[in-house]
Amino acid sequence: MRNKRRFSRIETLLKARYFQKGNKGGWGKCTIIDFSSKGLGIEFHTSEEINPGSTVHLEVFVPTEADAVCIEGELRWIHQRRNYFVGGIEWCHINRKELDEDQFASLS
């Protein structure tokens, strides 16, 4: 199978939580499974479907940082696996006090 990705990915396992507008349950649990300079691979720990093209807000808990890294991105694709979903998010904004995108990419 040919790799369609434009940017190389770095595997990781970072705890996170997500919020999507219209999500009745509030914040949900998720795991960041990989990242690149433009996006994230993510496992959503839910059985509720999430629509591609929707805006997702994330708080990523990085072990070396005191505060969560806040990310806003667009869900580009999603696939169901058993009782959870795996997807890809292209980030739009990273909001944190002292880290920039290059520093985030070096954390894992």
PDB file of N, CA and C in Angstrom:
ATOM      1  N   MET A   1       0.834  -1.169   0.000  1.00  0.00           N
ATOM      2  CA  MET A   1       0.000   0.000   0.000  1.00  0.00           C
ATOM      3  C   MET A   1       0.885   1.240   0.000  1.00  0.00           C
ATOM      4  N   ARG A   2       0.585   2.173  -0.845  1.00  0.00           N
ATOM      5  CA  ARG A   2       1.357   3.395  -0.960  1.00  0.00           C
ATOM      6  C   ARG A   2       0.985   4.391   0.135  1.00  0.00           C
ATOM      7  N   ASN A   3       1.975   5.026   0.729  1.00  0.00           N
ATOM      8  CA  ASN A   3       1.753   6.019   1.773  1.00  0.00           C
ATOM      9  C   ASN A   3       1.365   7.342   1.122  1.00  0.00           C
ATOM     10  N   LYS A   4       0.163   7.857   1.447  1.00  0.00           N
ATOM     11  CA  LYS A   4      -0.337   9.102   0.862  1.00  0.00           C
ATOM     12  C   LYS A   4       0.046  10.338   1.673  1.00  0.00           C
ATOM     13  N   ARG A   5       0.679  10.151   2.786  1.00  0.00           N
ATOM     14  CA  ARG A   5       0.982  11.278   3.676  1.00  0.00           C
ATOM     15  C   ARG A   5       2.037  12.190   3.086  1.00  0.00           C
ATOM     16  N   ARG A   6       1.795  13.490   3.246  1.00  0.00           N
ATOM     17  CA  ARG A   6       2.749  14.501   2.778  1.00  0.00           C
ATOM     18  C   ARG A   6       3.862  14.742   3.786  1.00  0.00           C
ATOM     19  N   PHE A   7       3.592  14.467   5.062  1.00  0.00           N
ATOM     20  CA  PHE A   7       4.550  14.721   6.130  1.00  0.00           C
ATOM     21  C   PHE A   7       4.793  13.417   6.892  1.00  0.00           C
ATOM     22  N   SER A   8       6.037  13.186   7.285  1.00  0.00           N
ATOM     23  CA  SER A   8       6.329  11.973   8.044  1.00  0.00           C
ATOM     24  C   SER A   8       5.704  12.083   9.435  1.00  0.00           C
ATOM     25  N   ARG A   9       5.323  10.943   9.989  1.00  0.00           N
ATOM     26  CA  ARG A   9       4.671  10.873  11.292  1.00  0.00           C
ATOM     27  C   ARG A   9       5.609  10.297  12.330  1.00  0.00           C
ATOM     28  N   ILE A  10       5.445  10.746  13.566  1.00  0.00           N
ATOM     29  CA  ILE A  10       6.189  10.229  14.704  1.00  0.00           C
ATOM     30  C   ILE A  10       5.176   9.577  15.636  1.00  0.00           C
ATOM     31  N   GLU A  11       5.378   8.293  15.925  1.00  0.00           N
ATOM     32  CA  GLU A  11       4.460   7.577  16.801  1.00  0.00           C
ATOM     33  C   GLU A  11       4.629   8.041  18.251  1.00  0.00           C
ATOM     34  N   THR A  12       3.513   8.064  18.969  1.00  0.00           N
ATOM     35  CA  THR A  12       3.501   8.462  20.365  1.00  0.00           C
ATOM     36  C   THR A  12       2.253   7.891  21.023  1.00  0.00           C
ATOM     37  N   LEU A  13       2.131   8.011  22.298  1.00  0.00           N
ATOM     38  CA  LEU A  13       0.911   7.703  23.036  1.00  0.00           C
ATOM     39  C   LEU A  13       0.745   8.789  24.091  1.00  0.00           C
ATOM     40  N   LEU A  14      -0.053   9.791  23.777  1.00  0.00           N
ATOM     41  CA  LEU A  14      -0.289  10.895  24.697  1.00  0.00           C
ATOM     42  C   LEU A  14      -1.767  10.939  25.067  1.00  0.00           C
ATOM     43  N   LYS A  15      -2.046  10.974  26.361  1.00  0.00           N
ATOM     44  CA  LYS A  15      -3.424  11.113  26.808  1.00  0.00           C
ATOM     45  C   LYS A  15      -3.924  12.496  26.424  1.00  0.00           C
ATOM     46  N   ALA A  16      -5.199  12.545  26.077  1.00  0.00           N
ATOM     47  CA  ALA A  16      -5.803  13.810  25.694  1.00  0.00           C
ATOM     48  C   ALA A  16      -7.308  13.737  25.931  1.00  0.00           C
ATOM     49  N   ARG A  17      -7.947  14.866  25.767  1.00  0.00           N
ATOM     50  CA  ARG A  17      -9.398  14.895  25.759  1.00  0.00           C
ATOM     51  C   ARG A  17      -9.835  15.819  24.641  1.00  0.00           C
ATOM     52  N   TYR A  18     -11.039  15.596  24.129  1.00  0.00           N
ATOM     53  CA  TYR A  18     -11.515  16.363  22.980  1.00  0.00           C
ATOM     54  C   TYR A  18     -12.910  16.899  23.235  1.00  0.00           C
ATOM     55  N   PHE A  19     -13.222  17.954  22.524  1.00  0.00           N
ATOM     56  CA  PHE A  19     -14.547  18.537  22.553  1.00  0.00           C
ATOM     57  C   PHE A  19     -14.917  18.887  21.123  1.00  0.00           C
ATOM     58  N   GLN A  20     -16.126  18.549  20.751  1.00  0.00           N
ATOM     59  CA  GLN A  20     -16.643  18.878  19.432  1.00  0.00           C
ATOM     60  C   GLN A  20     -17.959  19.603  19.629  1.00  0.00           C
ATOM     61  N   LYS A  21     -18.155  20.700  18.916  1.00  0.00           N
ATOM     62  CA  LYS A  21     -19.401  21.456  19.030  1.00  0.00           C
ATOM     63  C   LYS A  21     -20.581  20.521  18.764  1.00  0.00           C
ATOM     64  N   GLY A  22     -21.569  20.578  19.620  1.00  0.00           N
ATOM     65  CA  GLY A  22     -22.733  19.725  19.492  1.00  0.00           C
ATOM     66  C   GLY A  22     -22.599  18.404  20.221  1.00  0.00           C
ATOM     67  N   ASN A  23     -21.430  18.153  20.827  1.00  0.00           N
ATOM     68  CA  ASN A  23     -21.211  16.922  21.583  1.00  0.00           C
ATOM     69  C   ASN A  23     -21.990  17.021  22.892  1.00  0.00           C
ATOM     70  N   LYS A  24     -22.999  16.214  23.061  1.00  0.00           N
ATOM     71  CA  LYS A  24     -23.874  16.284  24.235  1.00  0.00           C
ATOM     72  C   LYS A  24     -23.175  15.863  25.518  1.00  0.00           C
ATOM     73  N   GLY A  25     -22.151  15.042  25.407  1.00  0.00           N
ATOM     74  CA  GLY A  25     -21.479  14.530  26.597  1.00  0.00           C
ATOM     75  C   GLY A  25     -20.356  15.408  27.116  1.00  0.00           C
ATOM     76  N   GLY A  26     -20.108  16.546  26.503  1.00  0.00           N
ATOM     77  CA  GLY A  26     -19.004  17.398  26.926  1.00  0.00           C
ATOM     78  C   GLY A  26     -17.676  16.866  26.417  1.00  0.00           C
ATOM     79  N   TRP A  27     -16.656  16.935  27.239  1.00  0.00           N
ATOM     80  CA  TRP A  27     -15.327  16.472  26.868  1.00  0.00           C
ATOM     81  C   TRP A  27     -15.286  14.946  26.859  1.00  0.00           C
ATOM     82  N   GLY A  28     -14.601  14.383  25.859  1.00  0.00           N
ATOM     83  CA  GLY A  28     -14.428  12.943  25.763  1.00  0.00           C
ATOM     84  C   GLY A  28     -12.957  12.576  25.821  1.00  0.00           C
ATOM     85  N   LYS A  29     -12.672  11.325  26.157  1.00  0.00           N
ATOM     86  CA  LYS A  29     -11.284  10.864  26.239  1.00  0.00           C
ATOM     87  C   LYS A  29     -10.786  10.448  24.856  1.00  0.00           C
ATOM     88  N   CYS A  30      -9.490  10.672  24.638  1.00  0.00           N
ATOM     89  CA  CYS A  30      -8.852  10.253  23.394  1.00  0.00           C
ATOM     90  C   CYS A  30      -7.360  10.057  23.651  1.00  0.00           C
ATOM     91  N   THR A  31      -6.678   9.486  22.668  1.00  0.00           N
ATOM     92  CA  THR A  31      -5.241   9.278  22.732  1.00  0.00           C
ATOM     93  C   THR A  31      -4.621   9.751  21.425  1.00  0.00           C
ATOM     94  N   ILE A  32      -3.570  10.551  21.516  1.00  0.00           N
ATOM     95  CA  ILE A  32      -2.814  10.949  20.336  1.00  0.00           C
ATOM     96  C   ILE A  32      -1.854   9.806  20.040  1.00  0.00           C
ATOM     97  N   ILE A  33      -1.956   9.234  18.828  1.00  0.00           N
ATOM     98  CA  ILE A  33      -1.147   8.064  18.501  1.00  0.00           C
ATOM     99  C   ILE A  33       0.035   8.391  17.592  1.00  0.00           C
ATOM    100  N   ASP A  34      -0.023   9.528  16.905  1.00  0.00           N
ATOM    101  CA  ASP A  34       1.122   9.996  16.133  1.00  0.00           C
ATOM    102  C   ASP A  34       0.923  11.462  15.785  1.00  0.00           C
ATOM    103  N   PHE A  35       1.998  12.112  15.325  1.00  0.00           N
ATOM    104  CA  PHE A  35       1.898  13.516  14.950  1.00  0.00           C
ATOM    105  C   PHE A  35       2.919  13.843  13.877  1.00  0.00           C
ATOM    106  N   SER A  36       2.635  14.930  13.183  1.00  0.00           N
ATOM    107  CA  SER A  36       3.549  15.451  12.171  1.00  0.00           C
ATOM    108  C   SER A  36       3.568  16.969  12.318  1.00  0.00           C
ATOM    109  N   SER A  37       4.233  17.633  11.405  1.00  0.00           N
ATOM    110  CA  SER A  37       4.285  19.094  11.474  1.00  0.00           C
ATOM    111  C   SER A  37       2.956  19.728  11.085  1.00  0.00           C
ATOM    112  N   LYS A  38       1.992  18.950  10.604  1.00  0.00           N
ATOM    113  CA  LYS A  38       0.708  19.514  10.186  1.00  0.00           C
ATOM    114  C   LYS A  38      -0.508  18.844  10.826  1.00  0.00           C
ATOM    115  N   GLY A  39      -0.326  17.691  11.493  1.00  0.00           N
ATOM    116  CA  GLY A  39      -1.506  17.027  12.014  1.00  0.00           C
ATOM    117  C   GLY A  39      -1.224  15.971  13.048  1.00  0.00           C
ATOM    118  N   LEU A  40      -2.317  15.315  13.455  1.00  0.00           N
ATOM    119  CA  LEU A  40      -2.283  14.312  14.516  1.00  0.00           C
ATOM    120  C   LEU A  40      -3.079  13.085  14.109  1.00  0.00           C
ATOM    121  N   GLY A  41      -2.605  11.918  14.501  1.00  0.00           N
ATOM    122  CA  GLY A  41      -3.407  10.709  14.465  1.00  0.00           C
ATOM    123  C   GLY A  41      -4.024  10.540  15.838  1.00  0.00           C
ATOM    124  N   ILE A  42      -5.282  10.141  15.890  1.00  0.00           N
ATOM    125  CA  ILE A  42      -5.993  10.153  17.164  1.00  0.00           C
ATOM    126  C   ILE A  42      -6.928   8.959  17.279  1.00  0.00           C
ATOM    127  N   GLU A  43      -7.036   8.427  18.479  1.00  0.00           N
ATOM    128  CA  GLU A  43      -8.047   7.421  18.813  1.00  0.00           C
ATOM    129  C   GLU A  43      -9.077   8.100  19.699  1.00  0.00           C
ATOM    130  N   PHE A  44     -10.328   8.106  19.263  1.00  0.00           N
ATOM    131  CA  PHE A  44     -11.427   8.643  20.051  1.00  0.00           C
ATOM    132  C   PHE A  44     -12.032   7.491  20.832  1.00  0.00           C
ATOM    133  N   HIS A  45     -12.048   7.584  22.160  1.00  0.00           N
ATOM    134  CA  HIS A  45     -12.578   6.530  23.015  1.00  0.00           C
ATOM    135  C   HIS A  45     -14.075   6.738  23.205  1.00  0.00           C
ATOM    136  N   THR A  46     -14.804   6.530  22.119  1.00  0.00           N
ATOM    137  CA  THR A  46     -16.247   6.700  22.113  1.00  0.00           C
ATOM    138  C   THR A  46     -16.842   5.791  21.059  1.00  0.00           C
ATOM    139  N   SER A  47     -18.099   5.479  21.210  1.00  0.00           N
ATOM    140  CA  SER A  47     -18.802   4.735  20.176  1.00  0.00           C
ATOM    141  C   SER A  47     -19.688   5.668  19.354  1.00  0.00           C
ATOM    142  N   GLU A  48     -19.710   6.959  19.707  1.00  0.00           N
ATOM    143  CA  GLU A  48     -20.487   7.948  18.962  1.00  0.00           C
ATOM    144  C   GLU A  48     -19.700   8.404  17.741  1.00  0.00           C
ATOM    145  N   GLU A  49     -20.381   8.464  16.621  1.00  0.00           N
ATOM    146  CA  GLU A  49     -19.724   8.854  15.381  1.00  0.00           C
ATOM    147  C   GLU A  49     -19.368  10.342  15.396  1.00  0.00           C
ATOM    148  N   ILE A  50     -18.218  10.647  14.849  1.00  0.00           N
ATOM    149  CA  ILE A  50     -17.743  12.026  14.722  1.00  0.00           C
ATOM    150  C   ILE A  50     -17.585  12.294  13.228  1.00  0.00           C
ATOM    151  N   ASN A  51     -18.089  13.404  12.762  1.00  0.00           N
ATOM    152  CA  ASN A  51     -18.131  13.672  11.332  1.00  0.00           C
ATOM    153  C   ASN A  51     -16.855  14.301  10.798  1.00  0.00           C
ATOM    154  N   PRO A  52     -16.324  13.771   9.687  1.00  0.00           N
ATOM    155  CA  PRO A  52     -15.183  14.421   9.027  1.00  0.00           C
ATOM    156  C   PRO A  52     -15.562  15.849   8.626  1.00  0.00           C
ATOM    157  N   GLY A  53     -14.600  16.736   8.692  1.00  0.00           N
ATOM    158  CA  GLY A  53     -14.835  18.147   8.373  1.00  0.00           C
ATOM    159  C   GLY A  53     -15.203  18.979   9.582  1.00  0.00           C
ATOM    160  N   SER A  54     -15.494  18.323  10.709  1.00  0.00           N
ATOM    161  CA  SER A  54     -15.864  19.073  11.904  1.00  0.00           C
ATOM    162  C   SER A  54     -14.622  19.592  12.629  1.00  0.00           C
ATOM    163  N   THR A  55     -14.813  20.661  13.381  1.00  0.00           N
ATOM    164  CA  THR A  55     -13.747  21.238  14.183  1.00  0.00           C
ATOM    165  C   THR A  55     -13.693  20.520  15.525  1.00  0.00           C
ATOM    166  N   VAL A  56     -12.483  20.123  15.913  1.00  0.00           N
ATOM    167  CA  VAL A  56     -12.276  19.407  17.171  1.00  0.00           C
ATOM    168  C   VAL A  56     -11.302  20.213  18.021  1.00  0.00           C
ATOM    169  N   HIS A  57     -11.627  20.373  19.282  1.00  0.00           N
ATOM    170  CA  HIS A  57     -10.758  21.042  20.247  1.00  0.00           C
ATOM    171  C   HIS A  57     -10.131  19.974  21.134  1.00  0.00           C
ATOM    172  N   LEU A  58      -8.824  20.047  21.312  1.00  0.00           N
ATOM    173  CA  LEU A  58      -8.094  19.044  22.080  1.00  0.00           C
ATOM    174  C   LEU A  58      -7.308  19.680  23.215  1.00  0.00           C
ATOM    175  N   GLU A  59      -7.198  18.964  24.309  1.00  0.00           N
ATOM    176  CA  GLU A  59      -6.237  19.251  25.362  1.00  0.00           C
ATOM    177  C   GLU A  59      -5.344  18.023  25.448  1.00  0.00           C
ATOM    178  N   VAL A  60      -4.086  18.194  25.106  1.00  0.00           N
ATOM    179  CA  VAL A  60      -3.129  17.094  25.084  1.00  0.00           C
ATOM    180  C   VAL A  60      -2.247  17.198  26.319  1.00  0.00           C
ATOM    181  N   PHE A  61      -2.141  16.100  27.047  1.00  0.00           N
ATOM    182  CA  PHE A  61      -1.372  16.073  28.282  1.00  0.00           C
ATOM    183  C   PHE A  61       0.018  15.518  27.996  1.00  0.00           C
ATOM    184  N   VAL A  62       0.996  16.418  27.955  1.00  0.00           N
ATOM    185  CA  VAL A  62       2.382  16.073  27.655  1.00  0.00           C
ATOM    186  C   VAL A  62       3.106  15.895  28.992  1.00  0.00           C
ATOM    187  N   PRO A  63       3.721  14.738  29.233  1.00  0.00           N
ATOM    188  CA  PRO A  63       4.323  14.465  30.542  1.00  0.00           C
ATOM    189  C   PRO A  63       5.352  15.491  31.004  1.00  0.00           C
ATOM    190  N   THR A  64       6.051  16.131  30.090  1.00  0.00           N
ATOM    191  CA  THR A  64       7.099  17.082  30.480  1.00  0.00           C
ATOM    192  C   THR A  64       6.577  18.498  30.688  1.00  0.00           C
ATOM    193  N   GLU A  65       5.273  18.708  30.502  1.00  0.00           N
ATOM    194  CA  GLU A  65       4.698  20.044  30.619  1.00  0.00           C
ATOM    195  C   GLU A  65       3.680  20.100  31.751  1.00  0.00           C
ATOM    196  N   ALA A  66       3.658  21.211  32.485  1.00  0.00           N
ATOM    197  CA  ALA A  66       2.718  21.384  33.593  1.00  0.00           C
ATOM    198  C   ALA A  66       1.293  21.593  33.088  1.00  0.00           C
ATOM    199  N   ASP A  67       1.137  22.325  31.993  1.00  0.00           N
ATOM    200  CA  ASP A  67      -0.180  22.629  31.444  1.00  0.00           C
ATOM    201  C   ASP A  67      -0.424  21.826  30.169  1.00  0.00           C
ATOM    202  N   ALA A  68      -1.690  21.530  29.904  1.00  0.00           N
ATOM    203  CA  ALA A  68      -2.055  20.825  28.677  1.00  0.00           C
ATOM    204  C   ALA A  68      -1.792  21.712  27.461  1.00  0.00           C
ATOM    205  N   VAL A  69      -1.467  21.080  26.354  1.00  0.00           N
ATOM    206  CA  VAL A  69      -1.320  21.772  25.076  1.00  0.00           C
ATOM    207  C   VAL A  69      -2.706  21.785  24.430  1.00  0.00           C
ATOM    208  N   CYS A  70      -3.201  22.972  24.085  1.00  0.00           N
ATOM    209  CA  CYS A  70      -4.530  23.110  23.506  1.00  0.00           C
ATOM    210  C   CYS A  70      -4.415  23.230  21.989  1.00  0.00           C
ATOM    211  N   ILE A  71      -5.153  22.385  21.287  1.00  0.00           N
ATOM    212  CA  ILE A  71      -5.085  22.336  19.828  1.00  0.00           C
ATOM    213  C   ILE A  71      -6.498  22.409  19.271  1.00  0.00           C
ATOM    214  N   GLU A  72      -6.644  23.175  18.201  1.00  0.00           N
ATOM    215  CA  GLU A  72      -7.888  23.199  17.445  1.00  0.00           C
ATOM    216  C   GLU A  72      -7.561  22.706  16.050  1.00  0.00           C
ATOM    217  N   GLY A  73      -8.363  21.794  15.539  1.00  0.00           N
ATOM    218  CA  GLY A  73      -8.084  21.268  14.212  1.00  0.00           C
ATOM    219  C   GLY A  73      -9.326  20.754  13.525  1.00  0.00           C
ATOM    220  N   GLU A  74      -9.147  20.411  12.261  1.00  0.00           N
ATOM    221  CA  GLU A  74     -10.238  19.866  11.460  1.00  0.00           C
ATOM    222  C   GLU A  74     -10.062  18.359  11.322  1.00  0.00           C
ATOM    223  N   LEU A  75     -11.122  17.626  11.608  1.00  0.00           N
ATOM    224  CA  LEU A  75     -11.094  16.180  11.443  1.00  0.00           C
ATOM    225  C   LEU A  75     -11.152  15.880   9.947  1.00  0.00           C
ATOM    226  N   ARG A  76     -10.064  15.355   9.403  1.00  0.00           N
ATOM    227  CA  ARG A  76      -9.958  15.120   7.958  1.00  0.00           C
ATOM    228  C   ARG A  76     -10.498  13.757   7.550  1.00  0.00           C
ATOM    229  N   TRP A  77     -10.330  12.740   8.403  1.00  0.00           N
ATOM    230  CA  TRP A  77     -10.839  11.397   8.110  1.00  0.00           C
ATOM    231  C   TRP A  77     -11.076  10.669   9.419  1.00  0.00           C
ATOM    232  N   ILE A  78     -11.913   9.625   9.353  1.00  0.00           N
ATOM    233  CA  ILE A  78     -12.208   8.829  10.536  1.00  0.00           C
ATOM    234  C   ILE A  78     -12.679   7.442  10.101  1.00  0.00           C
ATOM    235  N   HIS A  79     -12.271   6.411  10.877  1.00  0.00           N
ATOM    236  CA  HIS A  79     -12.671   5.031  10.635  1.00  0.00           C
ATOM    237  C   HIS A  79     -13.055   4.392  11.962  1.00  0.00           C
ATOM    238  N   GLN A  80     -14.087   3.561  11.939  1.00  0.00           N
ATOM    239  CA  GLN A  80     -14.497   2.869  13.154  1.00  0.00           C
ATOM    240  C   GLN A  80     -13.700   1.581  13.337  1.00  0.00           C
ATOM    241  N   ARG A  81     -13.299   1.333  14.576  1.00  0.00           N
ATOM    242  CA  ARG A  81     -12.607   0.104  14.968  1.00  0.00           C
ATOM    243  C   ARG A  81     -13.266  -0.403  16.241  1.00  0.00           C
ATOM    244  N   ARG A  82     -13.930  -1.509  16.155  1.00  0.00           N
ATOM    245  CA  ARG A  82     -14.642  -2.089  17.302  1.00  0.00           C
ATOM    246  C   ARG A  82     -15.515  -1.045  17.975  1.00  0.00           C
ATOM    247  N   ASN A  83     -15.184  -0.631  19.207  1.00  0.00           N
ATOM    248  CA  ASN A  83     -16.020   0.334  19.926  1.00  0.00           C
ATOM    249  C   ASN A  83     -15.353   1.703  20.071  1.00  0.00           C
ATOM    250  N   TYR A  84     -14.458   2.044  19.160  1.00  0.00           N
ATOM    251  CA  TYR A  84     -13.836   3.364  19.155  1.00  0.00           C
ATOM    252  C   TYR A  84     -13.553   3.779  17.713  1.00  0.00           C
ATOM    253  N   PHE A  85     -13.086   5.007  17.541  1.00  0.00           N
ATOM    254  CA  PHE A  85     -12.792   5.536  16.214  1.00  0.00           C
ATOM    255  C   PHE A  85     -11.336   5.979  16.141  1.00  0.00           C
ATOM    256  N   VAL A  86     -10.740   5.842  14.960  1.00  0.00           N
ATOM    257  CA  VAL A  86      -9.396   6.334  14.679  1.00  0.00           C
ATOM    258  C   VAL A  86      -9.531   7.367  13.581  1.00  0.00           C
ATOM    259  N   GLY A  87      -8.836   8.511  13.746  1.00  0.00           N
ATOM    260  CA  GLY A  87      -8.958   9.567  12.750  1.00  0.00           C
ATOM    261  C   GLY A  87      -7.686  10.380  12.606  1.00  0.00           C
ATOM    262  N   GLY A  88      -7.756  11.322  11.711  1.00  0.00           N
ATOM    263  CA  GLY A  88      -6.655  12.235  11.470  1.00  0.00           C
ATOM    264  C   GLY A  88      -7.130  13.666  11.558  1.00  0.00           C
ATOM    265  N   ILE A  89      -6.397  14.483  12.286  1.00  0.00           N
ATOM    266  CA  ILE A  89      -6.745  15.893  12.475  1.00  0.00           C
ATOM    267  C   ILE A  89      -5.644  16.753  11.891  1.00  0.00           C
ATOM    268  N   GLU A  90      -6.042  17.707  11.064  1.00  0.00           N
ATOM    269  CA  GLU A  90      -5.115  18.730  10.581  1.00  0.00           C
ATOM    270  C   GLU A  90      -5.269  19.925  11.507  1.00  0.00           C
ATOM    271  N   TRP A  91      -4.177  20.284  12.190  1.00  0.00           N
ATOM    272  CA  TRP A  91      -4.344  21.343  13.180  1.00  0.00           C
ATOM    273  C   TRP A  91      -4.380  22.727  12.535  1.00  0.00           C
ATOM    274  N   CYS A  92      -5.183  23.585  13.172  1.00  0.00           N
ATOM    275  CA  CYS A  92      -5.343  24.979  12.736  1.00  0.00           C
ATOM    276  C   CYS A  92      -4.636  25.918  13.700  1.00  0.00           C
ATOM    277  N   HIS A  93      -4.818  25.662  15.003  1.00  0.00           N
ATOM    278  CA  HIS A  93      -4.240  26.518  16.040  1.00  0.00           C
ATOM    279  C   HIS A  93      -3.693  25.672  17.177  1.00  0.00           C
ATOM    280  N   ILE A  94      -2.546  26.089  17.682  1.00  0.00           N
ATOM    281  CA  ILE A  94      -1.999  25.505  18.902  1.00  0.00           C
ATOM    282  C   ILE A  94      -1.892  26.648  19.892  1.00  0.00           C
ATOM    283  N   ASN A  95      -2.530  26.489  21.036  1.00  0.00           N
ATOM    284  CA  ASN A  95      -2.598  27.564  22.013  1.00  0.00           C
ATOM    285  C   ASN A  95      -1.952  27.107  23.307  1.00  0.00           C
ATOM    286  N   ARG A  96      -0.768  27.571  23.545  1.00  0.00           N
ATOM    287  CA  ARG A  96      -0.095  27.287  24.798  1.00  0.00           C
ATOM    288  C   ARG A  96       0.858  28.424  25.097  1.00  0.00           C
ATOM    289  N   LYS A  97       1.281  28.499  26.307  1.00  0.00           N
ATOM    290  CA  LYS A  97       2.015  29.678  26.746  1.00  0.00           C
ATOM    291  C   LYS A  97       3.424  29.759  26.197  1.00  0.00           C
ATOM    292  N   GLU A  98       4.168  28.659  26.204  1.00  0.00           N
ATOM    293  CA  GLU A  98       5.583  28.789  25.884  1.00  0.00           C
ATOM    294  C   GLU A  98       6.099  27.863  24.796  1.00  0.00           C
ATOM    295  N   LEU A  99       5.250  27.008  24.243  1.00  0.00           N
ATOM    296  CA  LEU A  99       5.722  26.069  23.232  1.00  0.00           C
ATOM    297  C   LEU A  99       5.313  26.519  21.838  1.00  0.00           C
ATOM    298  N   ASP A 100       6.158  26.260  20.861  1.00  0.00           N
ATOM    299  CA  ASP A 100       5.753  26.481  19.484  1.00  0.00           C
ATOM    300  C   ASP A 100       5.614  25.123  18.805  1.00  0.00           C
ATOM    301  N   GLU A 101       5.186  25.091  17.549  1.00  0.00           N
ATOM    302  CA  GLU A 101       4.913  23.828  16.867  1.00  0.00           C
ATOM    303  C   GLU A 101       6.146  22.928  16.795  1.00  0.00           C
ATOM    304  N   ASP A 102       7.325  23.487  16.565  1.00  0.00           N
ATOM    305  CA  ASP A 102       8.540  22.678  16.498  1.00  0.00           C
ATOM    306  C   ASP A 102       8.842  22.024  17.838  1.00  0.00           C
ATOM    307  N   GLN A 103       8.627  22.759  18.937  1.00  0.00           N
ATOM    308  CA  GLN A 103       8.859  22.184  20.252  1.00  0.00           C
ATOM    309  C   GLN A 103       7.845  21.077  20.535  1.00  0.00           C
ATOM    310  N   PHE A 104       6.578  21.257  20.122  1.00  0.00           N
ATOM    311  CA  PHE A 104       5.586  20.218  20.322  1.00  0.00           C
ATOM    312  C   PHE A 104       5.987  18.953  19.582  1.00  0.00           C
ATOM    313  N   ALA A 105       6.509  19.088  18.381  1.00  0.00           N
ATOM    314  CA  ALA A 105       6.912  17.927  17.588  1.00  0.00           C
ATOM    315  C   ALA A 105       8.073  17.160  18.235  1.00  0.00           C
ATOM    316  N   SER A 106       8.842  17.839  19.090  1.00  0.00           N
ATOM    317  CA  SER A 106       9.977  17.166  19.727  1.00  0.00           C
ATOM    318  C   SER A 106       9.579  16.446  21.015  1.00  0.00           C
ATOM    319  N   LEU A 107       8.342  16.592  21.458  1.00  0.00           N
ATOM    320  CA  LEU A 107       7.881  15.969  22.699  1.00  0.00           C
ATOM    321  C   LEU A 107       7.244  14.619  22.400  1.00  0.00           C
ATOM    322  N   SER A 108       7.607  13.624  23.139  1.00  0.00           N
ATOM    323  CA  SER A 108       6.939  12.325  23.051  1.00  0.00           C
ATOM    324  C   SER A 108       7.353  11.423  24.169  1.00  0.00           C
TER     325      SER A 108
END
